[in-house]
Protein backbone atom coordinates (compact mmCIF):
# COMPACT_ATOMS: atom_id res chain seq x y z
CA MET A 1 189.48 2.56 -22.59
CA LYS A 2 186.05 1.81 -23.75
CA HIS A 3 185.35 -1.53 -24.65
CA ARG A 4 185.19 -2.73 -28.06
CA THR A 5 184.14 -5.93 -27.83
CA LEU A 6 183.41 -6.56 -31.46
CA ALA A 7 186.40 -5.43 -33.13
CA LEU A 8 188.49 -7.53 -30.20
CA LEU A 9 186.90 -10.51 -31.02
CA LEU A 10 188.01 -9.61 -34.66
CA ALA A 11 191.49 -9.49 -33.85
CA VAL A 12 191.67 -12.58 -32.05
CA ALA A 13 189.90 -14.36 -34.79
CA LEU A 14 192.35 -12.87 -37.73
CA THR A 15 195.41 -13.45 -36.02
CA LEU A 16 193.89 -17.23 -35.34
CA CYS A 17 193.32 -17.91 -39.39
CA LEU A 18 195.22 -15.35 -40.97
CA PRO A 19 196.79 -17.84 -43.67
CA CYS A 20 193.91 -19.95 -43.96
CA THR A 21 191.23 -18.13 -45.28
CA THR A 22 190.72 -15.94 -48.90
CA ALA A 23 188.23 -15.56 -51.78
CA LEU A 24 189.26 -17.65 -54.63
CA ALA A 25 188.88 -15.98 -57.79
CA ALA A 26 191.11 -15.60 -60.53
CA GLU A 27 191.81 -11.53 -60.93
CA GLU A 28 189.76 -9.71 -63.37
CA PRO A 29 190.11 -6.32 -65.26
CA LEU A 30 188.59 -3.74 -62.28
CA PRO A 31 187.37 -0.36 -63.41
CA PRO A 32 189.75 2.43 -62.38
CA ASP A 33 190.13 3.03 -58.61
CA ASN A 34 189.45 6.99 -58.38
CA SER A 35 189.48 7.06 -55.10
CA ALA A 36 192.88 8.89 -54.75
CA ALA A 37 191.80 11.05 -57.75
CA GLN A 38 192.87 14.44 -57.21
CA THR A 39 191.94 17.82 -58.53
CA GLY A 40 193.20 20.86 -59.89
CA ASP A 41 196.92 20.71 -61.19
CA GLY A 42 197.90 17.47 -58.84
CA PRO A 43 198.92 14.50 -60.37
CA THR A 44 196.78 11.90 -61.98
CA PRO A 45 196.37 8.18 -60.76
CA GLU A 46 197.96 5.99 -63.26
CA ALA A 47 195.60 3.42 -64.86
CA TYR A 48 195.51 0.13 -63.16
CA ILE A 49 196.87 -2.54 -65.57
CA PRO A 50 195.67 -6.13 -64.04
CA ASP A 51 198.00 -8.58 -64.13
CA PRO A 52 198.02 -11.87 -66.53
CA GLU A 53 196.70 -15.06 -65.54
CA GLY A 54 198.94 -17.10 -63.30
CA THR A 55 201.31 -13.93 -62.15
CA VAL A 56 201.25 -11.66 -59.64
CA THR A 57 202.96 -8.02 -59.69
CA PHE A 58 204.15 -5.63 -56.13
CA GLN A 59 202.22 -2.76 -57.46
CA ASN A 60 198.68 -4.61 -57.69
CA LEU A 61 199.33 -6.72 -54.34
CA ASP A 62 197.95 -4.07 -52.35
CA ARG A 63 194.48 -3.50 -54.74
CA ARG A 64 194.26 -7.15 -54.61
CA MET A 65 194.36 -8.12 -51.63
CA ARG A 66 191.73 -5.55 -50.86
CA LYS A 67 189.25 -7.37 -52.92
CA GLY A 68 189.87 -10.88 -53.11
CA ASN A 69 191.14 -11.75 -49.68
CA LEU A 70 188.19 -12.80 -47.66
CA GLN A 71 189.53 -11.92 -44.04
CA VAL A 72 189.98 -8.06 -45.78
CA LEU A 73 186.38 -7.88 -46.88
CA SER A 74 184.68 -9.42 -43.86
CA LEU A 75 186.58 -6.40 -41.67
CA GLN A 76 185.69 -3.81 -44.70
CA GLU A 77 181.24 -5.30 -44.38
CA SER A 78 181.66 -4.78 -40.30
CA VAL A 79 183.48 -1.02 -41.05
CA ASP A 80 180.39 -0.45 -43.43
CA ILE A 81 178.03 -1.18 -40.81
CA LEU A 82 179.58 1.18 -38.35
CA GLU A 83 179.99 4.05 -40.96
CA GLU A 84 176.55 3.44 -42.13
CA ILE A 85 175.19 4.19 -38.92
CA ASN A 86 172.27 6.37 -39.29
CA TYR A 87 172.47 7.88 -35.99
CA ASP A 88 169.83 11.24 -36.05
CA LYS A 89 167.26 8.15 -36.95
CA LEU A 90 168.63 5.77 -34.41
CA LYS A 91 168.13 8.21 -31.57
CA GLU A 92 164.86 9.01 -33.00
CA ASP A 93 164.27 4.87 -32.64
CA LEU A 94 165.44 5.11 -28.85
CA ARG A 95 163.82 7.70 -28.14
CA LEU A 96 160.62 6.37 -28.99
CA GLN A 97 160.93 3.27 -27.40
CA LEU A 98 161.87 5.16 -23.91
CA ASN A 99 158.67 6.87 -24.36
CA GLN A 100 156.57 3.33 -25.11
CA MET A 101 158.44 1.68 -22.51
CA ALA A 102 157.89 4.66 -19.93
CA GLN A 103 154.22 4.30 -20.97
CA ALA A 104 154.18 0.49 -20.16
CA GLN A 105 155.61 1.40 -16.77
CA TRP A 106 152.82 3.88 -15.76
CA MET A 107 150.22 1.32 -16.76
CA MET A 108 151.49 -1.32 -14.41
CA VAL A 109 152.04 0.92 -12.07
CA GLN A 110 148.05 2.04 -12.24
CA PHE A 111 147.69 -1.93 -12.46
CA GLY A 112 149.73 -2.04 -8.78
CA GLN A 113 152.12 -4.22 -9.99
CA SER A 114 155.10 -1.69 -9.12
CA GLY A 115 157.49 -3.67 -7.32
CA THR A 116 156.87 -7.19 -9.28
CA LEU A 117 159.63 -9.32 -11.19
CA ALA A 118 158.37 -7.92 -14.69
CA TYR A 119 158.39 -3.98 -13.49
CA GLU A 120 161.78 -4.59 -12.45
CA ARG A 121 162.61 -5.64 -15.88
CA MET A 122 160.96 -3.10 -17.62
CA ASP A 123 163.14 -1.31 -15.40
CA GLN A 124 166.00 -2.45 -16.30
CA ALA A 125 165.43 -2.58 -20.17
CA TYR A 126 164.07 1.08 -19.92
CA GLY A 127 167.68 1.95 -18.18
CA ALA A 128 169.31 0.23 -21.05
CA VAL A 129 167.85 1.78 -23.69
CA ARG A 130 168.24 5.21 -22.41
CA GLU A 131 172.01 4.67 -21.92
CA GLN A 132 172.15 3.93 -25.28
CA PHE A 133 170.03 7.39 -25.97
CA ASP A 134 172.67 9.37 -23.72
CA ALA A 135 175.83 7.55 -25.62
CA ILE A 136 174.30 8.96 -28.89
CA LYS A 137 173.31 12.19 -27.72
CA ASP A 138 176.49 13.01 -25.75
CA GLY A 139 178.73 11.58 -28.87
CA ASP A 140 180.08 8.42 -27.01
CA MET A 141 178.49 6.12 -29.60
CA GLN A 142 180.15 7.97 -32.30
CA GLU A 143 183.17 8.00 -30.99
CA ASP A 144 183.45 4.29 -29.67
CA ASN A 145 182.19 3.62 -33.47
CA ALA A 146 185.14 5.53 -35.18
CA ASP A 147 187.58 4.23 -32.99
CA THR A 148 186.53 0.45 -34.02
CA VAL A 149 186.48 1.52 -37.60
CA ARG A 150 190.05 2.65 -37.13
CA GLN A 151 190.94 -0.18 -35.57
CA LEU A 152 189.38 -2.88 -37.93
CA GLN A 153 190.79 -0.80 -40.69
CA ASN A 154 194.55 -1.15 -38.34
CA LEU A 155 193.94 -5.21 -38.89
CA GLN A 156 193.10 -4.53 -43.16
CA ASN A 157 196.41 -2.62 -43.13
CA GLN A 158 198.41 -5.46 -41.16
CA ILE A 159 197.07 -8.27 -43.11
CA VAL A 160 198.10 -6.25 -46.66
CA MET A 161 201.38 -5.77 -45.09
CA ALA A 162 201.86 -9.17 -44.27
CA GLY A 163 201.24 -9.98 -48.17
CA GLU A 164 203.64 -7.68 -49.33
CA ALA A 165 206.22 -9.66 -46.97
CA THR A 166 205.55 -12.62 -48.39
CA TYR A 167 205.81 -11.08 -51.58
CA ILE A 168 209.28 -10.14 -50.72
CA ALA A 169 210.72 -12.67 -49.05
CA LEU A 170 209.73 -14.78 -52.35
CA ALA A 171 211.69 -12.59 -53.84
CA ALA A 172 214.35 -13.06 -52.16
CA MET A 173 214.06 -17.14 -52.23
CA GLU A 174 213.63 -17.12 -56.18
CA ASN A 175 217.18 -14.84 -56.04
CA GLN A 176 218.32 -17.64 -53.98
CA GLU A 177 217.22 -20.22 -56.38
CA GLN A 178 219.13 -18.82 -59.21
CA GLY A 179 222.30 -18.77 -57.18
CA LEU A 180 221.87 -22.41 -56.32
CA GLU A 181 221.19 -23.42 -59.93
CA ARG A 182 224.16 -21.59 -60.76
CA GLN A 183 226.52 -23.32 -58.25
CA LEU A 184 225.20 -27.20 -59.05
CA THR A 185 225.99 -25.93 -62.56
CA ALA A 186 229.51 -25.63 -61.78
CA MET A 187 229.33 -28.30 -59.58
CA ASP A 188 228.84 -30.68 -62.08
CA ARG A 189 231.42 -28.92 -64.58
CA LYS A 190 233.92 -29.56 -61.50
CA LEU A 191 232.80 -33.11 -61.10
CA GLU A 192 233.50 -34.18 -65.09
CA GLU A 193 236.91 -32.51 -64.76
CA LEU A 194 237.58 -34.69 -61.31
CA GLN A 195 236.14 -37.75 -62.68
CA LEU A 196 238.66 -37.73 -65.68
CA ARG A 197 241.56 -36.77 -63.21
CA TYR A 198 239.92 -40.05 -61.14
CA GLU A 199 240.70 -41.86 -64.31
CA LEU A 200 244.16 -40.46 -64.58
CA GLY A 201 244.88 -41.37 -61.53
CA GLN A 202 245.27 -37.70 -60.47
CA ILE A 203 243.07 -38.13 -57.28
CA SER A 204 241.79 -40.29 -54.93
CA ALA A 205 238.50 -42.22 -54.78
CA LEU A 206 237.60 -40.79 -51.73
CA ASN A 207 238.55 -36.56 -53.27
CA LEU A 208 235.89 -37.68 -55.84
CA LYS A 209 233.54 -39.09 -53.59
CA GLU A 210 233.65 -36.09 -51.19
CA ALA A 211 233.36 -33.72 -54.10
CA GLN A 212 229.93 -36.29 -55.08
CA ALA A 213 228.77 -36.03 -51.71
CA GLY A 214 229.12 -32.03 -51.87
CA ARG A 215 226.51 -32.28 -54.98
CA VAL A 216 224.37 -34.26 -53.28
CA SER A 217 224.27 -31.87 -50.45
CA LEU A 218 223.94 -28.79 -52.74
CA ASN A 219 221.26 -30.60 -55.03
CA SER A 220 219.14 -31.41 -51.29
CA GLY A 221 219.26 -27.99 -50.34
CA LEU A 222 217.77 -26.57 -53.83
CA THR A 223 215.16 -29.07 -53.85
CA THR A 224 214.30 -28.00 -50.29
CA LEU A 225 214.47 -24.36 -51.45
CA ARG A 226 212.04 -25.06 -54.38
CA MET A 227 209.20 -26.62 -51.69
CA ASN A 228 209.31 -23.96 -49.55
CA LEU A 229 209.03 -22.03 -52.77
CA ASN A 230 205.97 -23.90 -53.80
CA THR A 231 204.05 -23.65 -50.29
CA TYR A 232 204.83 -19.87 -49.81
CA LYS A 233 203.68 -19.20 -53.40
CA GLY A 234 200.71 -21.27 -52.49
CA GLN A 235 199.55 -18.66 -49.24
CA LEU A 236 200.54 -15.79 -51.18
CA GLU A 237 197.73 -16.96 -54.23
CA LEU A 238 195.17 -17.81 -50.77
CA LEU A 239 196.03 -13.95 -49.75
CA ILE A 240 195.26 -12.57 -53.25
CA GLY A 241 192.26 -14.85 -53.76
CA ALA A 242 193.99 -16.21 -56.74
CA GLU A 243 193.70 -20.01 -57.48
CA ILE A 244 196.08 -22.11 -55.49
CA THR A 245 198.62 -23.72 -57.81
CA GLY A 246 202.07 -22.69 -55.83
CA ASP A 247 203.38 -21.68 -59.23
CA ILE A 248 202.09 -18.07 -59.51
CA SER A 249 204.89 -15.91 -61.45
CA LEU A 250 206.12 -12.80 -59.36
CA GLY A 251 207.20 -9.62 -61.17
CA ALA A 252 210.22 -7.64 -60.14
CA LEU A 253 210.33 -6.03 -56.96
CA PRO A 254 210.21 -2.10 -57.77
CA SER A 255 213.28 -0.32 -56.76
CA VAL A 256 213.79 2.72 -54.49
CA SER A 257 214.42 6.03 -56.39
CA PRO A 258 217.25 8.02 -55.23
CA GLU A 259 214.56 10.94 -54.63
CA GLU A 260 212.57 8.59 -52.28
CA LEU A 261 215.61 8.04 -49.79
CA GLU A 262 216.62 12.00 -49.70
CA ALA A 263 213.11 12.60 -49.09
CA MET A 264 213.37 10.51 -45.71
CA ASP A 265 213.24 13.48 -42.71
CA LEU A 266 213.45 11.08 -39.39
CA GLU A 267 211.91 14.01 -37.33
CA GLN A 268 208.42 14.83 -39.47
CA ASP A 269 208.25 11.46 -40.57
CA LEU A 270 208.29 10.17 -36.52
CA GLU A 271 205.42 12.90 -35.70
CA ARG A 272 203.05 10.99 -39.02
CA ALA A 273 203.58 7.70 -37.68
CA LYS A 274 202.70 8.53 -34.28
CA GLU A 275 199.37 10.19 -35.72
CA ALA A 276 198.67 7.07 -37.92
CA SER A 277 199.74 4.67 -34.94
CA TRP A 278 196.47 2.46 -33.68
CA ASP A 279 198.56 1.23 -30.82
CA LEU A 280 199.74 5.06 -29.78
CA TYR A 281 196.22 6.12 -29.83
CA GLU A 282 195.18 3.18 -27.85
CA ALA A 283 197.40 3.72 -25.17
CA THR A 284 196.54 7.76 -24.62
CA GLU A 285 193.00 6.82 -24.76
CA THR A 286 193.39 4.21 -22.31
CA MET A 287 195.62 6.79 -20.26
CA LYS A 288 193.45 9.59 -20.86
CA GLU A 289 190.15 7.72 -19.19
CA GLU A 290 192.17 6.19 -16.30
CA ARG A 291 193.52 9.93 -15.04
CA LYS A 292 189.97 11.14 -15.58
CA LYS A 293 188.64 8.23 -13.02
CA TYR A 294 191.64 9.19 -10.58
CA ASN A 295 190.83 13.47 -11.15
CA ASN A 296 187.53 12.39 -10.41
CA MET A 297 188.32 11.29 -7.05
CA GLY A 298 190.14 14.00 -6.21
CA GLY A 299 193.46 12.99 -8.01
CA ASP A 300 196.98 14.06 -6.49
CA ALA A 301 195.47 16.58 -4.21
CA ALA A 302 193.58 14.05 -2.43
CA MET A 303 196.53 11.65 -1.84
CA GLU A 304 197.15 12.71 2.12
CA TYR A 305 193.69 12.04 3.10
CA ARG A 306 192.11 9.28 0.91
CA MET A 307 195.18 6.84 0.66
CA LYS A 308 193.51 4.53 3.02
CA GLU A 309 190.30 4.10 0.70
CA GLU A 310 190.80 0.94 -1.34
CA SER A 311 188.81 2.44 -4.50
CA PHE A 312 191.24 5.34 -4.73
CA LYS A 313 194.08 3.52 -4.46
CA ARG A 314 193.57 0.99 -7.42
CA ALA A 315 192.08 4.10 -9.15
CA ARG A 316 195.76 5.38 -8.82
CA HIS A 317 197.18 2.21 -9.47
CA SER A 318 195.03 2.06 -12.83
CA TRP A 319 196.00 5.62 -13.96
CA LEU A 320 200.20 5.29 -12.89
CA SER A 321 200.04 2.12 -14.72
CA ALA A 322 198.31 3.36 -17.95
CA LYS A 323 200.66 6.38 -17.81
CA TYR A 324 203.55 3.97 -17.64
CA THR A 325 202.11 1.60 -20.61
CA TYR A 326 202.03 4.98 -22.90
CA GLU A 327 205.51 5.46 -22.13
CA ASN A 328 207.04 2.29 -22.68
CA THR A 329 204.91 1.90 -25.93
CA MET A 330 205.98 5.49 -27.25
CA GLN A 331 209.53 5.22 -26.20
CA ASN A 332 209.30 1.64 -28.27
CA PHE A 333 207.41 3.10 -31.14
CA GLU A 334 210.20 5.59 -31.64
CA LEU A 335 213.26 3.11 -31.23
CA GLY A 336 211.44 0.78 -33.43
CA LEU A 337 211.02 3.79 -36.00
CA ARG A 338 214.59 5.08 -35.94
CA ASN A 339 215.68 1.70 -36.07
CA LEU A 340 213.91 1.41 -39.56
CA TYR A 341 215.59 4.58 -40.81
CA LEU A 342 218.76 3.50 -39.97
CA LYS A 343 218.37 0.03 -41.49
CA VAL A 344 217.55 1.99 -44.71
CA GLN A 345 220.43 3.48 -44.72
CA ASP A 346 222.29 0.75 -43.97
CA TYR A 347 221.01 -0.96 -46.96
CA GLN A 348 221.86 1.61 -49.16
CA GLN A 349 225.16 1.48 -48.72
CA VAL A 350 225.37 -2.06 -49.34
CA LEU A 351 223.55 -1.73 -52.12
CA ALA A 352 226.45 0.67 -53.07
CA ALA A 353 229.47 -1.63 -52.47
CA SER A 354 227.90 -4.55 -53.83
CA ARG A 355 227.89 -2.33 -56.93
CA THR A 356 231.25 -1.27 -57.23
CA SER A 357 231.88 -4.90 -56.58
CA LEU A 358 230.13 -5.91 -59.89
CA GLU A 359 231.72 -3.34 -61.45
CA VAL A 360 235.02 -4.80 -60.67
CA GLU A 361 233.79 -7.99 -61.76
CA GLN A 362 232.39 -6.54 -64.98
CA ASP A 363 236.04 -5.61 -65.79
CA ARG A 364 237.80 -8.82 -64.38
CA CYS A 365 235.21 -10.78 -66.59
CA ALA A 366 235.95 -8.80 -70.05
CA ALA A 367 239.82 -9.21 -69.09
CA ALA A 368 238.93 -12.94 -68.77
CA ARG A 369 237.26 -13.02 -72.08
CA LEU A 370 240.01 -11.15 -73.55
CA LYS A 371 242.74 -13.55 -72.65
CA HIS A 372 240.93 -16.67 -73.61
CA GLN A 373 240.51 -15.08 -77.53
CA GLN A 374 244.20 -15.14 -76.96
CA GLY A 375 244.94 -18.52 -75.99
CA SER A 376 246.32 -17.33 -72.66
CA ILE A 377 243.42 -19.20 -70.17
CA SER A 378 240.93 -22.11 -70.49
CA ALA A 379 237.36 -22.34 -71.25
CA ASN A 380 236.87 -23.30 -67.65
CA ALA A 381 238.46 -20.60 -66.54
CA LEU A 382 236.32 -18.01 -68.67
CA LEU A 383 233.39 -19.83 -67.26
CA GLU A 384 234.58 -19.12 -63.77
CA ALA A 385 235.12 -15.40 -64.59
CA GLU A 386 231.69 -15.26 -65.72
CA GLU A 387 230.02 -17.15 -62.77
CA ASP A 388 231.54 -14.43 -60.58
CA LEU A 389 230.50 -12.33 -62.77
CA ILE A 390 226.76 -13.80 -62.62
CA ALA A 391 227.34 -13.86 -58.14
CA ALA A 392 227.88 -10.38 -57.98
CA GLN A 393 225.24 -9.35 -60.32
CA GLU A 394 222.82 -11.58 -57.52
CA THR A 395 224.41 -10.00 -54.59
CA VAL A 396 223.17 -6.38 -56.45
CA THR A 397 219.88 -7.85 -57.17
CA GLY A 398 219.58 -8.85 -53.27
CA ALA A 399 220.85 -6.37 -52.30
CA GLU A 400 218.21 -3.97 -53.90
CA ASN A 401 215.16 -6.07 -52.65
CA ASP A 402 216.89 -6.00 -49.03
CA LEU A 403 216.62 -2.29 -49.26
CA PHE A 404 213.50 -2.13 -51.03
CA SER A 405 212.30 -4.41 -48.16
CA ALA A 406 213.45 -1.74 -45.61
CA TYR A 407 212.51 1.04 -47.18
CA ASN A 408 208.88 -0.74 -48.16
CA THR A 409 208.81 -1.42 -44.06
CA TYR A 410 209.41 2.10 -43.17
CA ARG A 411 206.53 3.87 -45.04
CA TRP A 412 203.97 0.89 -43.62
CA ALA A 413 205.35 2.58 -40.46
CA VAL A 414 205.39 6.23 -41.22
CA ASP A 415 202.13 6.07 -43.83
CA HIS A 416 200.12 3.88 -41.30
CA GLY A 417 201.84 3.27 -37.86
CA ILE A 418 202.53 -0.10 -38.05
CA LEU A 419 206.57 -0.93 -37.28
CA ASN A 420 205.82 -4.48 -38.21
């Protein structure tokens, strides 16, 4: 493929510093984004509602990163530079430079300076400018820059996708935190009971110490989880350009509607994802270029009488390598999207099963409340039933988040060609 040094260097730089460079600014009300506005009878975009200070919602995450993340903004500046090039004007400027250089060379010939070092340097400069002029005339520069823009935008999308993955991971951690807090409360209640039983001589000191050690371990896990929450919230704040406190509040994750799940079509979505994939596009272009070089040397028809030539063998090997790389990239892409599709289906059935379990726990808890009113079970037994109900609800919440995470990843693959 044609060399795209700028984009490659940016990709390396961004990979090295992704977690550490963003604009630090609180979100302010912004004018409505009309870029997606539709005309005619189509739907109109929803009005943008800024997040309250110290909070972030998933719905606003993409917008906030594209307007507050310095890496995304830096990439956008590079995109703007390329998109604002006036090729007609640039071509005319280069034509004038070529004429001036040609006149200068003619003057040097007139004064007997042909063949001198100065003349050779002027000739080299003329060749470089001529190469740029021809690249514009033939459309090669426009095509190359369009590819670079696509690559830079792909990098922007990857950064935003990483931000969404961080948000979803934080939502899962907060759900886990609630579960650990509930378990700790239940453990404290159990320890009170064990302490009383120990004083009555019903259990040994060892039994009591083992329970107390379990409580210490559980509390330690909760402390570590809270530390991780603070750390990753700080990273999320960095990604959206907010003040770094580690205490930002997250809104609930969106739910996946039955209509969205029903609309999933693996075959159609695969074709759309292939069109959007930068990796597939790059592999395709590389294969085309290597095939062109090979064909220019005679291709398969020249194999019998040119296989002893090193240049021909290198061209053939390069073409075959690019061909196999393309086929491997395509196979991995198709398999990756298929696996994402199956993952969504699996999380859908897991969610359905967890909701069924929740209904069972709701019935059990209702029965326990009735029994407690009748005096047939203790208050602790009722609390345990209520805790089981809360645990079942947390399981449903976790399953909903898992389904959304899988579906969101699938949409990134379909809409932007990014699998992970």
